[in-house]
Amino acid sequence: MNTLNAAMLRAALAVHDRGRRLATALRERDDRGSGVVETIIIVAGFAGLAFVVYMAVSSKVHGWIGKIPGASGP
């Protein structure tokens, strides 16, 4: 599971980095509406990071719940 979490984290960071590079490239072009594009990229990047954190935390919580005696039923 740690390998999966690490892979998901790397993928999310790669997407975030790509978004920052794209935002920089758009800023250099001085296009109208690039602020909207940058905002969408930033929001998508943070949503990806939030998903990675959620997956990491949820697996830990499910592991802890599984260790509770009687947590899975009678």
Protein backbone atom coordinates (compact mmCIF):
# COMPACT_ATOMS: atom_id res chain seq x y z
CA MET A 1 0.00 0.00 0.00
CA ASN A 2 2.91 2.36 0.69
CA THR A 3 4.11 1.89 -2.88
CA LEU A 4 0.67 2.83 -4.18
CA ASN A 5 0.54 5.90 -1.96
CA ALA A 6 4.03 6.93 -3.08
CA ALA A 7 3.07 6.49 -6.73
CA MET A 8 -0.10 8.52 -6.30
CA LEU A 9 1.82 11.25 -4.50
CA ARG A 10 4.42 11.38 -7.28
CA ALA A 11 1.68 11.58 -9.90
CA ALA A 12 -0.12 14.37 -8.05
CA LEU A 13 3.10 16.32 -7.62
CA ALA A 14 3.91 15.85 -11.31
CA VAL A 15 0.48 17.19 -12.28
CA HIS A 16 0.89 20.10 -9.89
CA ASP A 17 4.36 20.88 -11.27
CA ARG A 18 3.09 20.68 -14.85
CA GLY A 19 0.26 23.04 -13.93
CA ARG A 20 2.70 25.56 -12.49
CA ARG A 21 4.85 25.37 -15.63
CA LEU A 22 1.79 25.83 -17.83
CA ALA A 23 0.64 28.76 -15.72
CA THR A 24 4.08 30.36 -16.09
CA ALA A 25 4.02 29.84 -19.85
CA LEU A 26 0.54 31.36 -20.07
CA ARG A 27 1.60 34.31 -17.94
CA GLU A 28 4.48 34.99 -20.30
CA ARG A 29 2.12 35.05 -23.31
CA ASP A 30 0.01 37.78 -21.65
CA ASP A 31 -3.27 36.37 -22.96
CA ARG A 32 -6.62 37.65 -21.83
CA GLY A 33 -8.32 35.20 -19.50
CA SER A 34 -5.10 33.54 -18.44
CA GLY A 35 -5.98 34.34 -14.81
CA VAL A 36 -8.99 32.05 -15.13
CA VAL A 37 -6.85 29.28 -16.61
CA GLU A 38 -4.28 29.65 -13.85
CA THR A 39 -7.00 29.49 -11.21
CA ILE A 40 -8.43 26.31 -12.73
CA ILE A 41 -4.97 24.72 -12.84
CA ILE A 42 -4.26 25.65 -9.22
CA VAL A 43 -7.64 24.34 -8.04
CA ALA A 44 -7.13 21.09 -9.97
CA GLY A 45 -3.65 20.71 -8.47
CA PHE A 46 -4.89 21.18 -4.92
CA ALA A 47 -7.80 18.80 -5.57
CA GLY A 48 -5.30 16.17 -6.72
CA LEU A 49 -3.15 16.69 -3.63
CA ALA A 50 -6.23 16.52 -1.40
CA PHE A 51 -7.18 13.22 -3.03
CA VAL A 52 -3.71 11.80 -2.38
CA VAL A 53 -3.84 12.87 1.27
CA TYR A 54 -7.34 11.40 1.60
CA MET A 55 -6.18 8.06 0.18
CA ALA A 56 -3.18 7.94 2.52
CA VAL A 57 -5.22 8.85 5.60
CA SER A 58 -8.17 6.60 4.79
CA SER A 59 -5.95 3.54 4.45
CA LYS A 60 -4.43 4.27 7.87
CA VAL A 61 -7.86 4.76 9.46
CA HIS A 62 -9.19 1.52 7.93
CA GLY A 63 -6.10 -0.25 9.29
CA TRP A 64 -6.73 1.11 12.77
CA ILE A 65 -10.42 0.19 12.63
CA GLY A 66 -9.49 -3.33 11.52
CA LYS A 67 -7.39 -3.75 14.67
CA ILE A 68 -10.33 -2.99 16.97
CA PRO A 69 -11.76 -6.25 18.35
CA GLY A 70 -15.31 -6.76 17.11
CA ALA A 71 -15.12 -3.87 14.62
CA SER A 72 -16.02 -6.11 11.69
CA GLY A 73 -19.13 -7.53 13.30
CA PRO A 74 -20.09 -10.30 15.74
